[in-house]
Protein backbone atom coordinates (compact mmCIF):
# COMPACT_ATOMS: atom_id res chain seq x y z
CA MET A 1 58.21 150.39 102.27
CA SER A 2 61.76 149.79 100.62
CA ALA A 3 63.22 148.85 104.45
CA HIS A 4 60.38 146.28 104.96
CA LEU A 5 61.20 144.74 101.70
CA SER A 6 64.61 144.65 102.14
CA ILE A 7 64.12 142.73 105.60
CA GLU A 8 61.62 140.24 103.73
CA GLU A 9 64.17 139.80 101.17
CA ILE A 10 66.82 138.89 103.97
CA ALA A 11 64.51 136.90 105.62
CA GLN A 12 64.01 134.81 102.32
CA SER A 13 67.54 134.50 101.59
CA GLN A 14 68.26 133.14 104.66
CA LYS A 15 65.60 130.67 104.48
CA GLN A 16 66.76 129.78 101.12
CA LEU A 17 70.41 129.35 102.57
CA ARG A 18 68.93 126.99 105.40
CA ARG A 19 67.35 125.14 102.69
CA LYS A 20 70.86 124.86 100.58
CA LYS A 21 72.42 123.63 103.70
CA ILE A 22 69.55 120.97 104.57
CA ARG A 23 70.05 119.44 101.06
CA LEU A 24 74.00 119.36 101.06
CA LEU A 25 73.51 117.62 104.53
CA ALA A 26 71.00 115.16 103.01
CA PHE A 27 73.28 114.08 100.21
CA THR A 28 76.54 113.71 102.63
CA LEU A 29 74.55 112.30 105.33
CA PRO A 30 74.63 108.44 103.93
CA LEU A 31 78.71 108.90 103.41
CA LEU A 32 78.58 109.97 107.10
CA CYS A 33 76.70 107.11 108.32
CA PHE A 34 79.18 104.82 106.38
CA VAL A 35 82.03 106.37 107.87
CA THR A 36 80.71 106.28 111.55
CA LEU A 37 79.69 102.68 111.08
CA ALA A 38 82.62 101.41 108.93
CA PHE A 39 85.36 103.56 110.20
CA LEU A 40 84.65 105.42 113.62
CA ALA A 41 82.65 102.84 115.24
CA PRO A 42 85.30 100.43 115.04
CA ILE A 43 87.85 102.31 116.18
CA ALA A 44 85.87 103.33 119.38
CA THR A 45 85.27 99.98 120.20
CA MET A 46 88.93 98.91 119.40
CA LEU A 47 90.08 101.39 122.22
CA TYR A 48 87.32 100.46 124.64
CA ARG A 49 87.98 97.09 124.33
CA SER A 50 91.64 97.59 124.72
CA VAL A 51 91.14 98.90 128.73
CA TYR A 52 88.00 97.42 129.55
CA HIS A 53 87.87 93.78 130.60
CA PRO A 54 85.60 92.62 132.95
CA THR A 55 85.31 88.70 132.35
CA VAL A 56 87.55 87.67 135.37
CA SER A 57 85.21 89.90 137.44
CA GLN A 58 82.18 88.19 136.07
CA LEU A 59 83.28 84.73 136.82
CA ILE A 60 84.57 85.12 140.43
CA PRO A 61 83.04 88.42 141.57
CA GLN A 62 82.71 87.39 145.38
CA THR A 63 86.32 85.87 145.62
CA LEU A 64 87.20 89.13 144.31
CA ALA A 65 85.18 90.97 146.71
CA GLU A 66 86.84 89.21 149.49
CA MET A 67 90.36 89.82 148.16
CA GLN A 68 89.98 93.39 148.28
CA GLN A 69 91.05 93.19 152.13
CA TRP A 70 93.91 91.29 151.37
CA ASP A 71 97.38 93.29 150.92
CA ASP A 72 99.01 91.38 147.85
CA SER A 73 102.58 92.84 148.74
CA ILE A 74 103.15 90.66 152.13
CA ASN A 75 103.87 87.31 149.75
CA ALA A 76 101.44 85.26 151.67
CA VAL A 77 98.75 83.11 150.55
CA PRO A 78 95.39 85.12 151.30
CA PRO A 79 92.88 84.15 153.79
CA ALA A 80 90.89 81.10 154.51
CA LYS A 81 87.92 83.09 153.63
CA VAL A 82 89.16 83.81 150.41
CA LEU A 83 90.07 80.42 149.58
CA GLU A 84 86.82 79.27 150.87
CA THR A 85 85.18 81.45 148.46
CA PHE A 86 87.11 80.55 145.39
CA SER A 87 86.52 77.14 145.79
CA VAL A 88 82.86 77.40 146.08
CA GLU A 89 83.33 79.44 142.57
CA LEU A 90 85.34 77.21 141.03
CA ARG A 91 82.78 74.29 141.84
CA THR A 92 80.08 76.53 140.36
CA LEU A 93 82.21 77.40 137.11
CA ALA A 94 83.18 73.43 136.77
CA ASN A 95 79.27 72.45 136.61
CA GLU A 96 78.46 75.33 134.71
CA ARG A 97 81.43 74.51 132.18
CA ARG A 98 82.77 77.80 132.54
CA SER A 99 86.25 76.85 134.36
CA GLY A 100 88.15 76.70 130.78
CA LYS A 101 87.25 80.59 130.31
CA LEU A 102 88.42 81.25 134.03
CA ALA A 103 91.79 79.29 132.87
CA GLU A 104 92.11 80.92 129.65
CA GLU A 105 92.00 84.45 131.37
CA LEU A 106 94.20 83.43 134.39
CA ASN A 107 96.88 81.76 131.97
CA ARG A 108 97.68 84.89 130.39
CA ALA A 109 99.09 86.44 133.09
CA VAL A 110 100.87 83.78 135.02
CA PRO A 111 101.63 81.00 132.04
CA GLY A 112 100.60 77.13 133.23
CA THR A 113 97.73 78.23 135.34
CA SER A 114 95.24 76.60 132.61
CA SER A 115 95.94 73.16 133.76
CA LEU A 116 95.95 73.98 137.38
CA ILE A 117 92.30 75.50 137.12
CA LYS A 118 91.08 72.69 135.11
CA SER A 119 92.31 70.02 137.29
CA SER A 120 91.20 71.73 140.70
CA SER A 121 87.88 72.09 139.12
CA ARG A 122 87.35 68.55 138.34
CA LYS A 123 88.51 67.52 141.90
CA LEU A 124 86.42 70.46 143.60
CA LYS A 125 83.40 69.39 141.53
CA ARG A 126 82.82 66.28 143.26
CA MET A 127 83.00 68.01 146.61
CA GLU A 128 79.83 69.61 148.40
CA VAL A 129 79.31 73.28 148.97
CA GLU A 130 79.00 72.79 152.59
CA GLU A 131 82.73 71.27 152.96
CA LEU A 132 84.14 73.62 150.84
CA LEU A 133 82.71 76.64 152.95
CA THR A 134 83.75 74.96 156.38
CA GLY A 135 87.42 73.52 155.06
CA GLU A 136 89.22 76.76 155.42
CA GLY A 137 90.53 76.59 151.82
CA LYS A 138 92.43 73.03 152.65
CA GLN A 139 90.37 71.20 149.91
CA LEU A 140 91.76 73.72 147.40
CA LEU A 141 95.28 73.80 148.76
CA ALA A 142 95.29 69.89 148.74
CA THR A 143 94.52 69.81 144.92
CA HIS A 144 97.96 71.30 143.88
CA LYS A 145 100.69 72.72 145.66
CA LYS A 146 100.75 75.61 143.39
CA TRP A 147 97.87 77.12 145.16
CA GLU A 148 100.55 78.25 147.65
CA ASN A 149 102.37 80.50 145.50
CA PRO A 150 101.40 84.08 146.49
CA LYS A 151 102.35 85.59 142.96
CA LEU A 152 99.28 83.19 141.72
CA TRP A 153 96.99 85.18 143.87
CA ALA A 154 98.00 88.42 143.15
CA ALA A 155 97.76 88.00 139.56
CA MET A 156 94.23 86.87 139.81
CA LYS A 157 93.16 89.95 141.80
CA SER A 158 95.16 92.50 139.66
CA MET A 159 93.14 90.37 136.62
CA GLY A 160 90.10 91.12 138.29
CA SER A 161 90.03 94.58 137.55
CA VAL A 162 87.50 95.67 134.94
CA TRP A 163 89.71 98.85 133.87
CA THR A 164 92.98 97.92 133.38
CA GLU A 165 96.15 99.15 131.25
CA ARG A 166 97.93 95.61 131.09
CA TYR A 167 97.41 95.35 127.66
CA TYR A 168 99.03 98.44 126.82
CA LEU A 169 101.92 97.60 129.02
CA THR A 170 101.85 94.02 127.38
CA ALA A 171 102.04 95.58 123.67
CA LEU A 172 104.82 97.99 124.86
CA ASP A 173 106.61 94.53 126.39
CA LEU A 174 106.07 96.30 129.94
CA LYS A 175 104.68 94.61 133.26
CA ARG A 176 103.99 95.48 136.57
CA ASN A 177 105.89 93.71 139.24
CA GLN A 178 104.83 92.58 142.46
CA ALA A 179 105.02 95.71 143.88
CA GLY A 180 103.10 97.47 141.51
CA GLU A 181 106.31 99.27 139.39
CA ILE A 182 106.58 99.06 135.65
CA GLU A 183 109.55 97.19 134.07
CA ALA A 184 110.43 95.66 131.27
CA ARG A 185 109.14 91.98 130.21
CA ASP A 186 111.67 89.00 129.88
CA THR A 187 110.60 88.44 126.20
CA GLN A 188 110.81 91.40 124.17
CA ILE A 189 108.57 90.70 121.38
CA TYR A 190 105.91 93.18 120.14
CA LEU A 191 108.84 96.58 120.19
CA LYS A 192 110.58 94.41 117.48
CA LEU A 193 107.68 93.78 115.63
CA TYR A 194 106.83 97.40 115.54
CA TRP A 195 110.43 98.28 114.48
CA ARG A 196 110.71 95.62 111.83
CA SER A 197 106.95 96.78 110.40
CA LEU A 198 108.34 100.42 110.26
CA ARG A 199 111.44 99.21 108.72
CA ILE A 200 109.77 97.16 106.04
CA ALA A 201 107.26 99.92 105.37
CA LEU A 202 109.94 102.69 104.97
CA THR A 203 111.90 100.51 102.53
CA ILE A 204 108.72 99.38 100.54
CA THR A 205 107.95 103.10 100.35
CA LEU A 206 111.91 103.78 99.17
CA LEU A 207 111.58 101.06 96.75
CA THR A 208 108.47 101.84 94.98
CA ALA A 209 109.57 105.72 94.96
CA LEU A 210 112.83 104.73 93.37
CA LEU A 211 111.22 102.46 90.62
CA ALA A 212 108.20 104.56 89.94
CA PHE A 213 109.93 108.04 89.30
CA PRO A 214 111.69 107.16 86.16
CA LEU A 215 108.64 105.30 85.07
CA SER A 216 106.32 108.38 85.57
CA TYR A 217 108.64 110.66 84.52
CA TYR A 218 108.72 108.49 80.73
CA LEU A 219 104.97 108.12 80.85
CA ALA A 220 104.34 112.01 81.61
CA ASN A 221 107.03 112.90 78.43
CA THR A 222 106.20 110.12 75.71
CA SER A 223 103.67 110.05 73.36
CA SER A 224 99.95 109.19 74.57
CA LYS A 225 99.74 106.35 72.87
CA LYS A 226 102.74 104.62 74.43
CA ALA A 227 101.51 106.18 77.43
CA ASN A 228 98.13 104.60 77.71
CA THR A 229 99.66 101.15 76.72
CA LEU A 230 102.53 101.40 79.42
CA MET A 231 99.41 102.67 81.91
CA VAL A 232 97.60 99.30 81.17
CA PHE A 233 100.73 97.36 82.61
CA VAL A 234 100.87 99.84 85.48
CA LEU A 235 96.96 98.82 86.10
CA LEU A 236 97.37 95.22 85.59
CA PRO A 237 97.92 94.67 89.55
CA PHE A 238 94.59 96.15 90.28
CA TRP A 239 92.76 93.62 87.71
CA THR A 240 94.36 90.46 89.61
CA SER A 241 93.57 89.00 92.74
CA LEU A 242 95.78 89.84 95.53
CA LEU A 243 96.13 85.98 96.41
CA VAL A 244 97.00 85.45 92.85
CA ARG A 245 99.94 87.89 92.97
CA THR A 246 101.11 86.50 96.16
CA THR A 247 101.11 82.85 95.06
CA SER A 248 102.96 83.83 92.15
CA TRP A 249 105.89 85.38 94.16
CA ILE A 250 105.68 82.07 96.08
CA ALA A 251 106.46 80.30 93.14
CA LEU A 252 109.12 82.86 91.85
CA LEU A 253 111.10 82.59 95.12
CA GLN A 254 110.56 78.86 96.67
CA THR A 255 113.86 76.94 96.54
CA ASN A 256 113.12 75.21 93.66
CA GLY A 257 111.48 78.18 92.04
CA VAL A 258 111.98 79.98 88.65
CA VAL A 259 114.55 82.74 90.30
CA ASN A 260 116.61 80.06 91.78
CA GLY A 261 116.23 77.82 88.78
CA THR A 262 117.40 80.72 86.53
CA LEU A 263 120.64 81.66 88.81
CA GLN A 264 121.62 77.86 88.82
CA SER A 265 121.22 77.19 85.29
CA ILE A 266 123.26 80.65 84.26
CA GLY A 267 125.86 79.45 86.61
CA ILE A 268 125.59 82.36 88.90
CA ILE A 269 124.85 80.15 92.08
CA LYS A 270 125.67 76.71 92.92
CA GLU A 271 122.58 76.11 95.43
CA PRO A 272 119.38 77.42 95.75
CA ILE A 273 118.91 80.68 98.11
CA GLU A 274 116.43 80.82 100.84
CA MET A 275 114.48 83.81 99.64
CA LEU A 276 111.02 82.65 100.54
CA TYR A 277 109.32 82.98 104.22
CA THR A 278 111.94 85.98 104.70
CA GLU A 279 111.66 89.69 105.21
CA PHE A 280 113.37 89.95 101.60
CA ALA A 281 110.37 88.16 100.26
CA THR A 282 107.98 90.26 101.96
CA VAL A 283 109.68 93.51 100.66
CA ILE A 284 109.65 92.07 97.08
CA ALA A 285 106.55 91.04 96.74
CA MET A 286 104.97 94.34 98.73
CA THR A 287 106.53 96.72 96.51
CA HIS A 288 105.31 95.25 93.47
CA ILE A 289 101.92 94.79 94.66
CA LEU A 290 102.15 98.75 95.92
CA LEU A 291 103.68 100.21 92.89
CA PRO A 292 100.94 101.41 91.38
CA PHE A 293 100.19 103.46 94.24
CA MET A 294 103.37 105.59 93.89
CA VAL A 295 103.36 105.69 90.27
CA LEU A 296 99.57 107.54 90.02
CA PRO A 297 100.21 110.25 92.06
CA LEU A 298 103.46 110.81 90.70
CA TYR A 299 102.67 110.81 86.70
CA SER A 300 99.45 113.06 87.71
CA VAL A 301 101.62 115.72 88.88
CA MET A 302 104.43 115.17 86.41
CA LYS A 303 101.83 115.39 83.60
CA ASN A 304 100.89 118.88 84.53
CA ILE A 305 104.29 120.33 84.88
CA ASP A 306 105.22 122.71 82.11
CA PRO A 307 108.50 121.24 80.14
CA SER A 308 109.32 124.52 79.04
CA TYR A 309 110.44 125.23 82.46
CA PHE A 310 113.25 122.95 82.16
CA ARG A 311 114.29 123.86 78.63
CA ALA A 312 114.56 127.63 80.19
CA ALA A 313 116.78 126.54 82.66
CA LEU A 314 118.96 124.80 80.03
CA SER A 315 118.91 127.92 77.71
CA LEU A 316 120.25 129.85 80.48
CA GLY A 317 123.22 127.90 80.75
CA SER A 318 122.42 125.25 83.50
CA LYS A 319 123.19 121.82 83.01
CA PRO A 320 120.81 118.95 82.69
CA MET A 321 121.19 117.22 86.32
CA PRO A 322 121.33 120.69 88.14
CA ALA A 323 118.21 121.75 86.21
CA PHE A 324 116.67 118.43 86.93
CA PHE A 325 116.94 118.58 90.87
CA LYS A 326 116.67 122.48 91.28
CA ILE A 327 113.62 122.95 88.99
CA TYR A 328 111.83 119.82 87.84
CA PHE A 329 112.36 117.79 90.94
CA PRO A 330 110.92 120.01 93.47
CA MET A 331 107.38 120.43 91.24
CA THR A 332 107.22 116.64 91.28
CA LEU A 333 107.59 116.56 95.24
CA PRO A 334 103.59 116.92 95.78
CA GLY A 335 103.06 113.63 93.74
CA LEU A 336 106.05 111.90 95.64
CA SER A 337 104.79 112.89 99.11
CA ALA A 338 101.22 111.77 98.34
CA GLY A 339 102.39 108.59 96.76
CA ALA A 340 105.03 107.81 99.72
CA LEU A 341 102.13 108.70 102.28
CA LEU A 342 99.79 106.38 100.66
CA VAL A 343 102.53 103.39 100.11
CA PHE A 344 103.75 103.83 103.79
CA ILE A 345 100.38 103.92 105.51
CA ILE A 346 98.91 100.80 103.36
CA SER A 347 102.40 98.44 103.73
CA ILE A 348 102.70 99.15 107.61
CA GLY A 349 98.97 97.42 108.14
CA TYR A 350 99.31 94.90 105.26
CA TYR A 351 98.62 91.28 106.32
CA ILE A 352 97.84 88.79 103.66
CA THR A 353 101.24 89.00 101.43
CA PRO A 354 103.56 88.83 105.02
CA ALA A 355 101.37 85.88 106.16
CA LEU A 356 101.85 83.96 103.17
CA VAL A 357 105.60 85.01 101.93
CA GLY A 358 106.93 86.35 104.86
CA GLY A 359 107.57 83.69 107.41
CA THR A 360 108.83 83.95 110.81
CA ASP A 361 111.26 86.64 109.48
CA GLY A 362 108.94 88.60 107.35
CA GLN A 363 105.90 88.84 109.89
CA MET A 364 104.49 92.19 110.81
CA ILE A 365 102.62 93.71 113.53
CA SER A 366 99.19 93.29 111.90
CA ASN A 367 99.99 89.58 111.72
CA ILE A 368 100.15 89.51 115.08
CA ILE A 369 97.31 91.38 115.86
CA ALA A 370 95.31 89.01 113.39
CA PHE A 371 96.70 86.10 115.61
CA HIS A 372 95.16 87.52 118.95
CA MET A 373 91.83 87.99 117.29
CA GLN A 374 91.81 84.54 115.33
CA SER A 375 93.75 81.85 117.09
CA SER A 376 94.45 83.29 120.98
CA ASN A 377 91.04 85.11 121.33
CA ASN A 378 92.89 87.78 123.19
CA TRP A 379 90.62 90.60 121.70
CA GLU A 380 91.78 93.04 124.29
CA LEU A 381 95.55 92.78 123.89
CA ALA A 382 94.75 92.84 119.88
CA ALA A 383 92.74 95.72 120.39
CA ALA A 384 95.82 97.52 122.33
CA LEU A 385 98.36 96.60 119.53
CA GLY A 386 96.03 98.25 116.97
CA SER A 387 95.33 101.29 119.15
CA LEU A 388 99.33 101.95 119.26
CA LEU A 389 99.44 100.96 115.56
CA LEU A 390 97.03 103.68 115.05
CA ILE A 391 98.69 105.95 117.44
CA LEU A 392 102.04 105.52 115.54
CA ILE A 393 100.28 106.11 112.03
CA VAL A 394 98.74 109.56 113.28
CA LEU A 395 102.19 110.65 114.76
CA LEU A 396 104.26 109.91 111.89
CA TYR A 397 101.54 111.63 109.69
CA TRP A 398 101.54 114.53 111.83
CA ILE A 399 105.29 114.74 111.28
CA TYR A 400 105.10 114.26 107.80
CA ASP A 401 102.57 117.59 107.51
CA ARG A 402 104.82 119.74 109.29
CA ILE A 403 107.65 118.79 107.23
CA VAL A 404 105.39 118.94 103.96
CA GLY A 405 103.77 122.11 105.19
CA VAL A 406 107.04 123.97 105.93
CA ASN A 407 108.45 122.98 102.39
CA ASN A 408 105.45 124.26 100.72
CA ILE A 409 105.73 127.57 102.28
CA LYS A 410 109.27 127.57 101.33
CA LEU A 411 108.74 126.98 97.73
CA GLY A 412 105.76 129.14 97.66
């Protein structure tokens, strides 16, 4: 009987455990849905669009099918059948007012192709289909001599691939030559932007740490009344619009702004210094904006450090500076590392402040991603750039986690 009751009790406890798990899942389900829709789904879409690009294949499918038999390495114009098919499809696109989309796509591979496509489509639009199918492509070649360039047709064949890695190659300032080999592009743009973004983010992280550490130390060791008053000023940027804070720095740093006016009035400089629309302006403005993200983690850790440790070191004969760096500073590393990680990740993806105060020298990779999404409509390249930025952040976080983990083991 007791064995029978014990089995029932076990079954009952398992049933209660399942109910508890279901309740916990019900509580976390809204959060999981939000994270999936607002975070995981956009990242998956970004990764998908960075390698999937069917636009050209949908615009000229028959031409691409005919070009499969053409060897683009022989440095010759495709056969007449390819020229005829493309002429008909280009005429159809012109009648449907979609030739501009093809021009936009091909212009990314071969600059200057946009005007060629548009002018040729206008001329072919006035011709009959039968005339184009029996002309052996002479009508197309007659519209412009650029159609005799084999590189143009090779680029068209390459752009017709649905799955492609060319956007990642472009994001790394690489390209494939006519032989299919990967080589460096003539203009190096994106790698320089990645390096600049990384440099600016590291500089901002270092500056915020240098400013936040003494402030947090004072807040943690002063009276509660003073700490609460000063904490209001620390949190004040959170209560002010980001746009207002950024435009305030424009007023401060511009040629006839407050900073230049003050320096000139006290005789330090004779001519205004160009501070606005530079990397310096981006660093200064973002340091001001992100400083609270470093202060708060540091303050929370320092507030919980027992001051008796430091006093004990002094009472045992240690000097203040060695005692500070050997006793107190290691205990602040969790807050310092958390603040540094938070500031770095936020700053490397910042967009508004560099766009408003950075100019050409202070632009970051996020500004170029926004440009390709909003202006050039090159979402695939924007997705590739964003994916590489995500990979870079994850890699740096992995390195950070390894370093912090090793330090924690040593401290333990």
